[in-house]
Amino acid sequence: MGVDTVLVETYTMIHNHLYGKAFVRVPEDYIAQFSVHFYPDGSIREFNVAAMDPLNSSVPFRAASGAFEYRLTMNCQHDTCTYFNAEKGQPAETIFKHAAPGMNFVGGWVPFISLMEWNCVQLARSGKQALPLHMINHRFRAYEISARYGGKDSVLFGGPFIEYTRIKVDEQGRILRTNGLGTPWNYIVTKHEPIDIEQIAKRMTKTRGIGFPSPEERVQFVVQNTTLDVQYGRPYKRGRQIFGGVVPYDSVWRTGAGGATILTLENPIRIGKTHIPKGQYSLYTIPRQNQWILIFNKDVLRWPTDPNRAADYVSVVIPVQKVKEVAEQFTINIEPTQTGGVLQFRWDDVMAYTEFSLVKH
């Protein structure tokens, strides 16, 4: 992500098996030991990954954040992919089920490059110009992506959900290097001979960690003795093209990162002629070059990459403008006014905003 090293991975492919180790630095330093078993058609039959201590890969990783502490297992059969996730502090494993006719790629903060390569190899063997793929994360439903040739030795990997990473490959589809700059992953990948992951981990763990790429923040704004509470994830620019790049135009955006962006209103507000009662709302937006659509949604529990649009309460059109001062980190702010305030969304060189007034009884 940007100039940071977030993943060092070594792996082996034998027949329909893939296995290896990776030193991962997001959100904390740990060693991931993984294995994948594939069906004859190249789709995933079983996916396993265990998080191990970076200084001793024989013992489980003790995550301070509680994220991905023990083990994650997924199996796909009978048009269903089931995740079994062992988490810190939970009395039993957490189970996620997703309907899917097949699964080709497991995505997240730090996707395994080996799974990208596996699918590039399948593309090369198929003799086709493109292969439709299904991508999954334990919290997401299945998304349609693809691997397709963008030239003789170039594969475009991704889709509307994750944008496209350009991968330089050999004739067998093996990765030579990857350029994901401008995508949410924002990776540059180079290929090496097999690496001693334990030695890499022991050396790099002594250096400053990366932490959460999009830290969560809760901010309370007091406007005329009324509190407006905002809880959201704050992604960084990290050298990427944001609007029209990481955040596509004309698509519903979670308006932050991680979980839903939640606005809690102690009193009703009014935007233009639109009345919004007090309560909790998930905020979604549809960014456009000349204006944004701001959506107040009553479902505050749904994972925001797959919003429950049936729970939309109301949407309003708000102005957007270019600003001189670049915001490296996504920021939501409220500037008080005599009648209420101005709700602002700032990231990169863009600010979307709307005035609102308080409705007092």
Protein backbone atom coordinates (compact mmCIF):
# COMPACT_ATOMS: atom_id res chain seq x y z
CA MET A 1 0.00 0.00 0.00
CA GLY A 2 1.88 3.01 -1.23
CA VAL A 3 5.58 2.58 -0.43
CA ASP A 4 4.98 0.06 2.38
CA THR A 5 5.80 -3.65 2.22
CA VAL A 6 2.62 -5.38 3.32
CA LEU A 7 3.21 -8.95 2.15
CA VAL A 8 6.11 -11.31 1.53
CA GLU A 9 4.82 -14.61 0.18
CA THR A 10 6.35 -17.92 -0.86
CA TYR A 11 4.29 -20.76 -2.32
CA THR A 12 4.25 -23.96 -4.33
CA MET A 13 1.72 -25.35 -6.81
CA ILE A 14 1.45 -29.13 -7.25
CA HIS A 15 -1.37 -30.48 -9.42
CA ASN A 16 -4.57 -29.13 -7.85
CA HIS A 17 -2.95 -28.02 -4.59
CA LEU A 18 -1.50 -24.68 -3.57
CA TYR A 19 0.28 -24.14 -0.29
CA GLY A 20 2.72 -21.72 1.25
CA LYS A 21 3.53 -19.08 3.84
CA ALA A 22 3.29 -15.32 3.91
CA PHE A 23 4.55 -12.64 6.26
CA VAL A 24 1.67 -10.17 6.53
CA ARG A 25 1.91 -6.67 8.05
CA VAL A 26 -1.76 -5.58 8.03
CA PRO A 27 -3.24 -4.94 10.54
CA GLU A 28 -0.46 -6.54 12.62
CA ASP A 29 2.66 -8.57 11.85
CA TYR A 30 1.96 -12.30 11.58
CA ILE A 31 2.87 -15.35 9.51
CA ALA A 32 0.03 -16.85 7.49
CA GLN A 33 0.30 -20.55 6.71
CA PHE A 34 -2.15 -21.40 3.93
CA SER A 35 -3.30 -24.21 1.70
CA VAL A 36 -5.87 -24.39 -1.08
CA HIS A 37 -7.36 -27.49 -2.71
CA PHE A 38 -9.02 -26.98 -6.10
CA TYR A 39 -11.67 -28.83 -8.07
CA PRO A 40 -10.67 -30.14 -11.54
CA ASP A 41 -12.19 -27.02 -13.14
CA GLY A 42 -9.78 -24.81 -11.14
CA SER A 43 -12.34 -23.46 -8.66
CA ILE A 44 -11.68 -23.61 -4.92
CA ARG A 45 -12.73 -26.73 -3.05
CA GLU A 46 -11.18 -25.86 0.31
CA PHE A 47 -9.24 -22.85 1.59
CA ASN A 48 -7.34 -22.84 4.89
CA VAL A 49 -5.20 -20.21 6.55
CA ALA A 50 -3.78 -20.08 10.07
CA ALA A 51 -2.24 -16.97 11.63
CA MET A 52 1.00 -17.80 13.46
CA ASP A 53 3.40 -15.84 15.65
CA PRO A 54 5.95 -13.90 13.52
CA LEU A 55 8.80 -14.79 15.90
CA ASN A 56 7.83 -18.44 16.29
CA SER A 57 5.63 -19.87 13.54
CA SER A 58 4.99 -23.00 15.63
CA VAL A 59 2.56 -21.17 17.94
CA PRO A 60 -0.66 -19.25 17.17
CA PHE A 61 -0.55 -15.50 16.66
CA ARG A 62 -1.91 -13.49 19.58
CA ALA A 63 -3.51 -10.51 17.89
CA ALA A 64 -3.87 -7.41 20.03
CA SER A 65 -6.71 -6.26 17.75
CA GLY A 66 -8.49 -9.61 17.84
CA ALA A 67 -8.44 -9.66 14.05
CA PHE A 68 -7.78 -13.05 12.45
CA GLU A 69 -6.18 -14.58 15.52
CA TYR A 70 -6.41 -18.31 15.01
CA ARG A 71 -7.70 -20.02 11.88
CA LEU A 72 -10.00 -19.52 8.90
CA THR A 73 -11.38 -22.42 6.87
CA MET A 74 -13.66 -22.27 3.83
CA ASN A 75 -15.15 -25.08 1.81
CA CYS A 76 -17.32 -24.84 -1.29
CA GLN A 77 -19.80 -27.52 -2.23
CA HIS A 78 -23.42 -27.84 -3.35
CA ASP A 79 -23.52 -24.20 -4.54
CA THR A 80 -22.62 -22.91 -1.06
CA CYS A 81 -19.31 -21.59 0.31
CA THR A 82 -19.06 -21.86 4.09
CA TYR A 83 -16.50 -20.06 6.26
CA PHE A 84 -15.52 -21.32 9.71
CA ASN A 85 -13.66 -18.57 11.55
CA ALA A 86 -11.98 -19.05 14.95
CA GLU A 87 -11.75 -15.65 16.64
CA LYS A 88 -10.33 -14.32 19.88
CA GLY A 89 -12.79 -14.07 22.76
CA GLN A 90 -15.59 -15.96 20.99
CA PRO A 91 -17.08 -19.01 22.78
CA ALA A 92 -17.53 -20.83 19.46
CA GLU A 93 -16.39 -20.50 15.88
CA THR A 94 -18.18 -17.96 13.68
CA ILE A 95 -19.84 -19.41 10.58
CA PHE A 96 -20.58 -17.48 7.39
CA LYS A 97 -22.50 -19.06 4.48
CA HIS A 98 -22.68 -17.62 0.98
CA ALA A 99 -24.62 -18.94 -2.00
CA ALA A 100 -22.21 -19.35 -4.93
CA PRO A 101 -21.99 -21.82 -7.84
CA GLY A 102 -18.21 -21.87 -7.40
CA MET A 103 -15.36 -19.80 -5.99
CA ASN A 104 -12.09 -18.77 -7.62
CA PHE A 105 -10.57 -16.06 -5.45
CA VAL A 106 -10.52 -15.03 -1.80
CA GLY A 107 -10.05 -11.29 -1.33
CA GLY A 108 -9.52 -8.93 1.55
CA TRP A 109 -7.00 -6.45 2.90
CA VAL A 110 -4.10 -8.64 1.81
CA PRO A 111 -5.10 -11.17 -0.88
CA PHE A 112 -2.68 -13.97 -1.64
CA ILE A 113 -0.72 -13.29 -4.82
CA SER A 114 -0.51 -17.06 -5.36
CA LEU A 115 -4.29 -17.20 -5.88
CA MET A 116 -3.98 -14.47 -8.50
CA GLU A 117 -1.30 -16.53 -10.21
CA TRP A 118 -3.37 -19.73 -10.03
CA ASN A 119 -6.17 -18.01 -11.94
CA CYS A 120 -3.76 -16.49 -14.47
CA VAL A 121 -2.42 -20.02 -15.10
CA GLN A 122 -5.99 -21.28 -15.59
CA LEU A 123 -6.55 -18.48 -18.10
CA ALA A 124 -3.41 -19.41 -20.03
CA ARG A 125 -4.38 -23.10 -20.10
CA SER A 126 -7.92 -22.33 -21.26
CA GLY A 127 -6.80 -20.75 -24.53
CA LYS A 128 -9.48 -18.10 -24.01
CA GLN A 129 -9.13 -14.34 -23.85
CA ALA A 130 -11.05 -14.05 -20.59
CA LEU A 131 -12.28 -16.16 -17.68
CA PRO A 132 -15.20 -15.13 -15.43
CA LEU A 133 -14.30 -15.56 -11.77
CA HIS A 134 -16.09 -15.42 -8.44
CA MET A 135 -14.47 -13.52 -5.56
CA ILE A 136 -15.43 -13.92 -1.92
CA ASN A 137 -14.54 -12.67 1.54
CA HIS A 138 -16.13 -14.14 4.65
CA ARG A 139 -18.12 -10.93 5.18
CA PHE A 140 -19.00 -10.37 1.52
CA ARG A 141 -21.32 -12.16 -0.83
CA ALA A 142 -19.78 -13.50 -4.03
CA TYR A 143 -18.72 -10.86 -6.54
CA GLU A 144 -18.13 -11.29 -10.24
CA ILE A 145 -14.60 -10.47 -11.37
CA SER A 146 -12.47 -11.77 -14.24
CA ALA A 147 -9.00 -12.50 -15.53
CA ARG A 148 -8.56 -11.36 -19.11
CA TYR A 149 -5.70 -10.69 -21.44
CA GLY A 150 -4.91 -7.04 -22.04
CA GLY A 151 -2.03 -7.92 -24.38
CA LYS A 152 0.17 -10.87 -25.26
CA ASP A 153 1.86 -11.03 -21.86
CA SER A 154 -0.49 -8.92 -19.76
CA VAL A 155 -3.52 -9.98 -17.70
CA LEU A 156 -6.11 -7.62 -16.24
CA PHE A 157 -7.33 -9.10 -12.96
CA GLY A 158 -10.31 -7.74 -11.05
CA GLY A 159 -13.65 -6.13 -11.73
CA PRO A 160 -15.89 -3.21 -10.83
CA PHE A 161 -15.71 -4.08 -7.10
CA ILE A 162 -11.92 -4.05 -6.82
CA GLU A 163 -10.84 -2.32 -10.03
CA TYR A 164 -8.28 -3.96 -12.30
CA THR A 165 -4.72 -4.94 -11.45
CA ARG A 166 -2.37 -5.29 -14.44
CA ILE A 167 -0.24 -8.43 -14.21
CA LYS A 168 2.80 -9.20 -16.37
CA VAL A 169 2.84 -12.96 -17.05
CA ASP A 170 4.88 -15.55 -18.95
CA GLU A 171 3.42 -17.99 -21.49
CA GLN A 172 2.23 -20.33 -18.71
CA GLY A 173 0.45 -17.50 -16.91
CA ARG A 174 3.04 -17.27 -14.13
CA ILE A 175 3.34 -13.81 -12.60
CA LEU A 176 6.48 -11.85 -13.43
CA ARG A 177 5.38 -8.59 -11.84
CA THR A 178 2.18 -6.83 -10.90
CA ASN A 179 1.09 -3.20 -11.03
CA GLY A 180 -1.93 -2.52 -8.87
CA LEU A 181 -1.30 1.18 -8.34
CA GLY A 182 -4.55 3.10 -8.36
CA THR A 183 -6.57 0.10 -7.18
CA PRO A 184 -7.78 -0.36 -3.60
CA TRP A 185 -4.92 -2.83 -3.03
CA ASN A 186 -2.40 -0.39 -4.52
CA TYR A 187 0.25 -3.09 -4.93
CA ILE A 188 3.49 -3.32 -6.80
CA VAL A 189 4.56 -6.98 -6.83
CA THR A 190 7.89 -8.42 -7.93
CA LYS A 191 8.95 -12.06 -8.18
CA HIS A 192 11.84 -13.68 -6.30
CA GLU A 193 13.37 -17.06 -5.68
CA PRO A 194 11.85 -18.94 -2.68
CA ILE A 195 12.17 -16.84 0.47
CA ASP A 196 12.77 -17.87 4.08
CA ILE A 197 9.62 -16.35 5.55
CA GLU A 198 10.66 -16.91 9.18
CA GLN A 199 13.89 -14.93 8.72
CA ILE A 200 12.05 -12.13 6.90
CA ALA A 201 9.47 -11.97 9.70
CA LYS A 202 12.05 -11.83 12.49
CA ARG A 203 13.91 -9.02 10.74
CA MET A 204 10.94 -6.90 9.65
CA THR A 205 9.02 -7.25 12.91
CA LYS A 206 11.73 -5.10 14.49
CA THR A 207 10.73 -2.21 12.22
CA ARG A 208 7.71 0.05 12.61
CA GLY A 209 4.43 -1.67 11.75
CA ILE A 210 1.78 -0.45 9.32
CA GLY A 211 -1.29 -0.88 11.52
CA PHE A 212 -4.83 -0.55 10.22
CA PRO A 213 -4.83 0.91 6.70
CA SER A 214 -8.16 2.60 7.42
CA PRO A 215 -8.40 3.27 11.16
CA GLU A 216 -11.86 3.71 12.64
CA GLU A 217 -12.77 6.94 14.34
CA ARG A 218 -15.73 8.19 16.33
CA VAL A 219 -16.31 11.93 16.45
CA GLN A 220 -18.99 13.91 18.24
CA PHE A 221 -20.00 17.36 17.04
CA VAL A 222 -22.03 19.69 19.24
CA VAL A 223 -24.27 22.08 17.33
CA GLN A 224 -26.55 24.38 19.35
CA ASN A 225 -26.42 22.02 22.34
CA THR A 226 -27.32 19.08 20.11
CA THR A 227 -24.90 16.18 19.55
CA LEU A 228 -24.27 14.59 16.16
CA ASP A 229 -22.18 11.41 16.40
CA VAL A 230 -20.19 10.03 13.43
CA GLN A 231 -18.44 6.65 13.43
CA TYR A 232 -16.46 5.71 10.30
CA GLY A 233 -13.30 4.22 8.80
CA ARG A 234 -10.70 6.68 7.50
CA PRO A 235 -8.73 5.34 4.52
CA TYR A 236 -5.56 7.07 3.29
CA LYS A 237 -4.85 8.30 -0.22
CA ARG A 238 -1.44 6.55 -0.38
CA GLY A 239 -0.63 7.97 -3.81
CA ARG A 240 -3.78 6.59 -5.45
CA GLN A 241 -6.33 8.21 -7.71
CA ILE A 242 -9.35 8.40 -5.41
CA PHE A 243 -12.51 9.58 -7.15
CA GLY A 244 -12.90 7.96 -10.53
CA GLY A 245 -10.27 5.42 -9.38
CA VAL A 246 -10.45 3.77 -5.95
CA VAL A 247 -13.97 5.22 -5.59
CA PRO A 248 -15.69 4.80 -8.97
CA TYR A 249 -18.09 7.45 -10.19
CA ASP A 250 -21.81 6.64 -10.35
CA SER A 251 -21.52 3.71 -7.90
CA VAL A 252 -22.70 3.38 -4.30
CA TRP A 253 -19.79 4.00 -1.93
CA ARG A 254 -19.70 3.11 1.77
CA THR A 255 -18.38 6.65 2.43
CA GLY A 256 -15.36 5.46 4.33
CA ALA A 257 -13.81 2.05 4.91
CA GLY A 258 -14.35 -1.04 7.02
CA GLY A 259 -17.78 -1.17 8.62
CA ALA A 260 -20.67 1.11 7.84
CA THR A 261 -20.34 4.87 8.33
CA ILE A 262 -22.95 5.61 11.01
CA LEU A 263 -24.47 8.99 11.82
CA THR A 264 -26.45 9.28 15.05
CA LEU A 265 -28.81 12.25 15.33
CA GLU A 266 -29.91 13.40 18.77
CA ASN A 267 -32.52 15.63 17.14
CA PRO A 268 -34.12 15.74 13.69
CA ILE A 269 -32.43 17.74 10.94
CA ARG A 270 -33.59 19.22 7.67
CA ILE A 271 -31.59 19.32 4.42
CA GLY A 272 -33.38 21.65 2.07
CA LYS A 273 -36.99 20.47 2.24
CA THR A 274 -36.05 16.95 3.34
CA HIS A 275 -36.84 16.10 6.96
CA ILE A 276 -34.63 13.45 8.61
CA PRO A 277 -35.85 12.21 12.03
CA LYS A 278 -33.55 11.59 14.97
CA GLY A 279 -31.94 8.15 15.15
CA GLN A 280 -29.10 6.15 13.58
CA TYR A 281 -28.33 6.01 9.86
CA SER A 282 -25.75 4.36 7.67
CA LEU A 283 -24.41 6.96 5.26
CA TYR A 284 -23.82 5.98 1.64
CA THR A 285 -22.93 8.23 -1.25
CA ILE A 286 -22.89 8.05 -5.03
CA PRO A 287 -20.00 10.32 -6.06
CA ARG A 288 -20.23 12.06 -9.41
CA GLN A 289 -17.99 14.70 -10.93
CA ASN A 290 -20.51 17.54 -10.60
CA GLN A 291 -22.59 16.42 -7.61
CA TRP A 292 -22.99 13.63 -5.07
CA ILE A 293 -26.05 11.74 -3.88
CA LEU A 294 -26.12 11.37 -0.09
CA ILE A 295 -28.15 8.40 1.15
CA PHE A 296 -29.51 7.93 4.69
CA ASN A 297 -30.06 4.21 5.27
CA LYS A 298 -31.79 2.67 8.31
CA ASP A 299 -29.82 -0.62 8.24
CA VAL A 300 -26.77 0.02 10.44
CA LEU A 301 -25.75 -3.65 10.74
CA ARG A 302 -25.31 -4.65 7.08
CA TRP A 303 -21.72 -4.89 5.77
CA PRO A 304 -21.51 -1.75 3.61
CA THR A 305 -19.98 -3.22 0.44
CA ASP A 306 -23.33 -4.96 -0.03
CA PRO A 307 -25.81 -2.31 1.18
CA ASN A 308 -29.44 -3.08 1.91
CA ARG A 309 -30.92 -0.55 -0.48
CA ALA A 310 -34.44 -1.53 0.60
CA ALA A 311 -33.59 0.21 3.90
CA ASP A 312 -32.80 3.57 2.23
CA TYR A 313 -34.77 6.19 4.15
CA VAL A 314 -34.06 9.18 1.95
CA SER A 315 -31.45 10.54 -0.46
CA VAL A 316 -30.46 14.11 -1.25
CA VAL A 317 -28.32 15.69 -3.96
CA ILE A 318 -25.36 17.63 -2.56
CA PRO A 319 -22.76 19.85 -4.25
CA VAL A 320 -19.10 18.91 -4.73
CA GLN A 321 -16.06 21.03 -5.46
CA LYS A 322 -12.31 20.82 -5.98
CA VAL A 323 -10.17 22.24 -3.18
CA LYS A 324 -6.53 23.33 -3.14
CA GLU A 325 -5.51 21.56 0.06
CA VAL A 326 -5.26 17.79 -0.47
CA ALA A 327 -6.72 15.64 2.32
CA GLU A 328 -4.47 12.59 2.65
CA GLN A 329 -7.02 10.85 4.90
CA PHE A 330 -10.76 10.70 4.34
CA THR A 331 -12.43 13.12 6.75
CA ILE A 332 -16.02 13.82 7.78
CA ASN A 333 -16.52 17.17 9.48
CA ILE A 334 -19.39 19.37 10.65
CA GLU A 335 -19.00 23.17 10.69
CA PRO A 336 -21.61 24.86 12.93
CA THR A 337 -23.83 27.62 11.54
CA GLN A 338 -26.48 29.83 13.12
CA THR A 339 -29.28 27.42 12.22
CA GLY A 340 -27.44 24.09 12.18
CA GLY A 341 -24.26 23.17 10.35
CA VAL A 342 -22.47 22.12 7.19
CA LEU A 343 -21.77 18.40 6.79
CA GLN A 344 -18.51 17.95 4.85
CA PHE A 345 -16.89 14.94 3.19
CA ARG A 346 -13.24 15.53 2.25
CA TRP A 347 -10.69 13.29 0.57
CA ASP A 348 -7.90 14.04 -1.88
CA ASP A 349 -8.70 17.36 -3.59
CA VAL A 350 -12.48 16.91 -3.38
CA MET A 351 -15.05 18.18 -0.90
CA ALA A 352 -18.74 17.31 -0.99
CA TYR A 353 -20.95 19.16 1.47
CA THR A 354 -24.46 20.07 2.46
CA GLU A 355 -26.01 22.59 4.83
CA PHE A 356 -28.56 21.34 7.34
CA SER A 357 -30.73 22.94 9.97
CA LEU A 358 -31.75 21.56 13.34
CA VAL A 359 -35.40 20.80 13.92
CA LYS A 360 -36.25 21.56 17.53
CA HIS A 361 -39.53 20.72 19.18
